[in-house]
Protein backbone atom coordinates (compact mmCIF):
# COMPACT_ATOMS: atom_id res chain seq x y z
CA UNK A 1 -46.92 22.40 15.09
CA UNK A 2 -43.10 21.17 14.92
CA UNK A 3 -41.98 18.23 12.77
CA UNK A 4 -39.71 15.61 14.67
CA UNK A 5 -36.86 15.29 12.37
CA UNK A 6 -34.71 12.15 13.45
CA UNK A 7 -30.98 12.38 13.04
CA UNK A 8 -29.86 9.26 10.54
CA UNK A 9 -27.99 6.57 12.21
CA UNK A 10 -25.48 4.52 11.94
CA UNK A 11 -24.27 1.13 13.20
CA UNK A 12 -20.64 0.87 13.49
CA UNK A 13 -18.77 -3.24 13.60
CA UNK A 14 -15.17 -3.37 15.05
CA UNK A 15 -12.50 -6.06 15.81
CA UNK A 16 -10.27 -4.28 17.96
CA UNK A 17 -9.67 -0.81 19.69
CA UNK A 18 -11.59 0.78 17.46
CA UNK A 19 -9.52 3.83 16.45
CA UNK A 20 -11.31 4.64 13.58
CA UNK A 21 -14.75 4.23 15.22
CA UNK A 22 -13.53 6.96 17.90
CA UNK A 23 -12.89 9.43 15.44
CA UNK A 24 -16.08 9.07 13.73
CA UNK A 25 -17.69 9.24 17.61
CA UNK A 26 -15.08 12.51 18.01
CA UNK A 27 -16.65 14.09 14.99
CA UNK A 28 -20.08 13.59 15.88
CA UNK A 29 -19.44 15.27 19.51
CA UNK A 30 -17.57 18.46 17.67
CA UNK A 31 -20.66 18.82 15.43
CA UNK A 32 -18.77 18.19 12.07
CA UNK A 33 -21.08 14.94 11.32
CA UNK A 34 -24.32 15.15 12.08
CA UNK A 35 -25.27 11.22 12.40
CA UNK A 36 -26.36 9.16 15.57
CA UNK A 37 -24.68 6.01 16.87
CA UNK A 38 -27.22 3.39 17.20
CA UNK A 39 -24.58 0.56 18.16
CA UNK A 40 -21.34 -0.65 18.25
CA UNK A 41 -20.75 -4.13 17.49
CA UNK A 42 -17.74 -6.47 17.83
CA UNK A 43 -16.92 -9.94 17.20
CA UNK A 44 -14.85 -10.09 19.87
CA UNK A 45 -15.95 -9.97 23.43
CA UNK A 46 -12.16 -8.13 24.59
CA UNK A 47 -11.98 -5.97 21.94
CA UNK A 48 -10.64 -2.61 23.38
CA UNK A 49 -13.12 -0.29 21.20
CA UNK A 50 -16.16 -1.50 23.28
CA UNK A 51 -15.45 -0.23 26.29
CA UNK A 52 -15.13 3.65 24.59
CA UNK A 53 -18.14 3.20 23.07
CA UNK A 54 -19.48 1.90 26.48
CA UNK A 55 -17.97 5.25 27.87
CA UNK A 56 -19.73 7.53 25.40
CA UNK A 57 -23.02 6.32 26.29
CA UNK A 58 -23.35 4.02 23.18
CA UNK A 59 -25.34 0.58 23.25
CA UNK A 60 -22.72 -2.35 22.22
CA UNK A 61 -23.72 -5.66 21.38
CA UNK A 62 -21.04 -8.57 21.29
CA UNK A 63 -21.40 -11.12 19.00
CA UNK A 64 -18.61 -14.22 19.30
CA UNK A 65 -17.94 -15.47 15.81
CA UNK A 66 -16.62 -18.58 18.06
CA UNK A 67 -19.76 -19.48 18.99
CA UNK A 68 -21.19 -20.15 15.75
CA UNK A 69 -20.88 -23.12 13.40
CA UNK A 70 -20.34 -21.39 10.34
CA UNK A 71 -19.49 -18.14 8.63
CA UNK A 72 -23.13 -18.08 7.06
CA UNK A 73 -24.69 -18.97 10.36
CA UNK A 74 -22.68 -15.84 12.42
CA UNK A 75 -23.50 -13.58 9.37
CA UNK A 76 -27.32 -14.36 9.93
CA UNK A 77 -27.13 -13.34 13.52
CA UNK A 78 -25.54 -10.32 13.45
CA UNK A 79 -27.65 -8.95 10.36
CA UNK A 80 -30.51 -9.62 12.39
CA UNK A 81 -29.19 -7.51 14.92
CA UNK A 82 -27.85 -4.76 12.99
CA UNK A 83 -31.74 -4.87 11.24
CA UNK A 84 -33.22 -4.25 14.96
CA UNK A 85 -31.36 -0.77 15.19
CA UNK A 86 -32.69 0.05 11.44
CA UNK A 87 -29.20 2.46 10.38
CA UNK A 88 -29.05 4.28 7.64
CA UNK A 89 -25.20 3.14 7.17
CA UNK A 90 -23.25 -0.04 8.38
CA UNK A 91 -19.65 1.19 9.06
CA UNK A 92 -16.78 -1.27 9.10
CA UNK A 93 -14.28 0.18 11.26
CA UNK A 94 -11.31 -2.81 11.60
CA UNK A 95 -13.90 -5.38 11.56
CA UNK A 96 -11.41 -8.45 10.87
CA UNK A 97 -13.97 -11.01 9.21
CA UNK A 98 -14.87 -11.15 5.68
CA UNK A 99 -18.42 -11.19 5.14
CA UNK A 100 -20.81 -13.66 3.15
CA UNK A 101 -22.16 -12.25 -0.01
CA UNK A 102 -25.79 -13.01 1.41
CA UNK A 103 -24.69 -10.33 4.55
CA UNK A 104 -23.07 -7.61 1.81
CA UNK A 105 -26.34 -8.50 -0.51
CA UNK A 106 -28.68 -7.56 2.44
CA UNK A 107 -26.95 -4.46 3.14
CA UNK A 108 -26.33 -3.51 -0.03
CA UNK A 109 -25.18 0.24 -0.58
CA UNK A 110 -25.38 0.86 2.89
CA UNK A 111 -22.42 -1.20 4.24
CA UNK A 112 -18.80 0.77 3.87
CA UNK A 113 -15.65 -0.35 4.77
CA UNK A 114 -12.45 1.90 4.83
CA UNK A 115 -9.32 0.54 3.11
CA UNK A 116 -5.36 1.61 3.85
CA UNK A 117 -4.64 1.85 0.26
CA UNK A 118 -5.54 3.70 -2.85
CA UNK A 119 -7.74 1.47 -4.18
CA UNK A 120 -8.06 -0.58 -6.80
CA UNK A 121 -3.98 -1.11 -5.95
CA UNK A 122 -3.43 -2.83 -3.06
CA UNK A 123 -6.57 -4.86 -1.91
CA UNK A 124 -6.45 -7.20 1.07
CA UNK A 125 -3.87 -7.51 3.17
CA UNK A 126 -0.08 -5.94 4.66
CA UNK A 127 -0.55 -2.81 2.08
CA UNK A 128 1.32 -0.55 3.35
CA UNK A 129 5.12 -2.71 3.13
CA UNK A 130 3.33 -3.57 -0.56
CA UNK A 131 3.34 -0.15 -1.30
CA UNK A 132 7.00 0.72 0.13
CA UNK A 133 7.77 -2.59 -2.03
CA UNK A 134 6.23 -1.13 -5.07
CA UNK A 135 8.30 2.02 -5.00
CA UNK A 136 5.28 3.68 -4.99
CA UNK A 137 5.58 7.59 -4.19
CA UNK A 138 2.12 7.98 -2.69
CA UNK A 139 -0.06 5.79 -0.84
CA UNK A 140 -3.33 6.34 0.92
CA UNK A 141 -6.42 5.41 2.27
CA UNK A 142 -9.90 4.57 0.25
CA UNK A 143 -13.50 4.71 2.15
CA UNK A 144 -15.34 2.51 0.10
CA UNK A 145 -18.90 0.78 -0.61
CA UNK A 146 -18.69 -3.15 0.21
CA UNK A 147 -19.66 -5.29 -2.40
CA UNK A 148 -19.16 -9.01 -2.36
CA UNK A 149 -15.41 -8.85 -4.55
CA UNK A 150 -12.69 -8.25 -1.42
CA UNK A 151 -12.23 -4.35 -1.26
CA UNK A 152 -13.84 -3.79 -4.86
CA UNK A 153 -16.70 -1.81 -4.03
CA UNK A 154 -17.18 1.72 -5.56
CA UNK A 155 -14.81 4.20 -3.94
CA UNK A 156 -16.31 7.20 -1.74
CA UNK A 157 -13.50 9.39 -1.08
CA UNK A 158 -9.72 8.57 -0.55
CA UNK A 159 -6.90 10.65 0.66
CA UNK A 160 -3.24 10.63 0.27
CA UNK A 161 0.08 10.55 1.57
CA UNK A 162 2.98 10.80 0.37
CA UNK A 163 5.62 8.05 0.71
CA UNK A 164 8.74 8.83 1.83
CA UNK A 165 12.52 7.69 1.67
CA UNK A 166 13.04 5.56 4.24
CA UNK A 167 9.50 5.17 5.08
CA UNK A 168 9.17 1.89 6.93
CA UNK A 169 5.57 0.22 7.11
CA UNK A 170 5.05 1.48 10.76
CA UNK A 171 5.70 4.72 9.89
CA UNK A 172 3.87 4.73 6.85
CA UNK A 173 0.93 3.18 8.26
CA UNK A 174 0.66 6.07 11.31
CA UNK A 175 0.52 8.52 8.44
CA UNK A 176 -2.40 6.55 6.54
CA UNK A 177 -4.14 5.85 9.93
CA UNK A 178 -3.81 9.96 11.05
CA UNK A 179 -5.58 10.13 7.40
CA UNK A 180 -8.01 7.49 7.67
CA UNK A 181 -9.48 9.52 10.92
CA UNK A 182 -10.72 12.43 8.93
CA UNK A 183 -11.18 10.92 6.07
CA UNK A 184 -13.98 7.95 7.60
CA UNK A 185 -15.94 10.82 9.16
CA UNK A 186 -15.94 13.09 6.07
CA UNK A 187 -17.32 9.91 3.86
CA UNK A 188 -19.83 9.18 5.83
CA UNK A 189 -20.99 12.82 5.75
CA UNK A 190 -21.26 12.64 2.31
CA UNK A 191 -23.12 9.31 1.99
CA UNK A 192 -25.89 10.55 4.65
CA UNK A 193 -26.45 13.87 2.65
CA UNK A 194 -26.64 12.02 -0.31
CA UNK A 195 -29.16 9.55 0.80
CA UNK A 196 -31.47 12.25 2.06
CA UNK A 197 -31.06 14.41 -1.02
């Protein structure tokens, strides 16, 4: 008698082109990451990443935040939709909405984000320019568990890049993004393995 083992699943939230979502899907296709993407959810109907997900045969859902009177109502609708897929992890990949405490607590220890800085440094926006302005010698990206406090949860993994002389926000951002694309699948693998052990 064979046991039916189901792969762990993730739901990915995006707001734009979804380059980190693509890198996760590519890692799955190449066998580096053994999970199923149950769905890709976006708060923007025009998010370019939705088309890519559809081409890969991944179910997509749009929940337009503009159709809700409050952040709370939007987050409740989104939580309900995510719960339908029963994912092991909820992965924020360029999801440009601040989430309510209720939402974050609902998915406690299952909600992860990637931030373009070496946390706890440079929480919030414009991290690359801020790193250059601060005269940092190295910069990078962090995958962290999401907590109600912005960019404050425990760090799962980090990738570092040097800040080079003459770097602009654009050149540094490109170097960091390249690292993000291998960092995120690696962090997901680590967390899924921990959850299974």
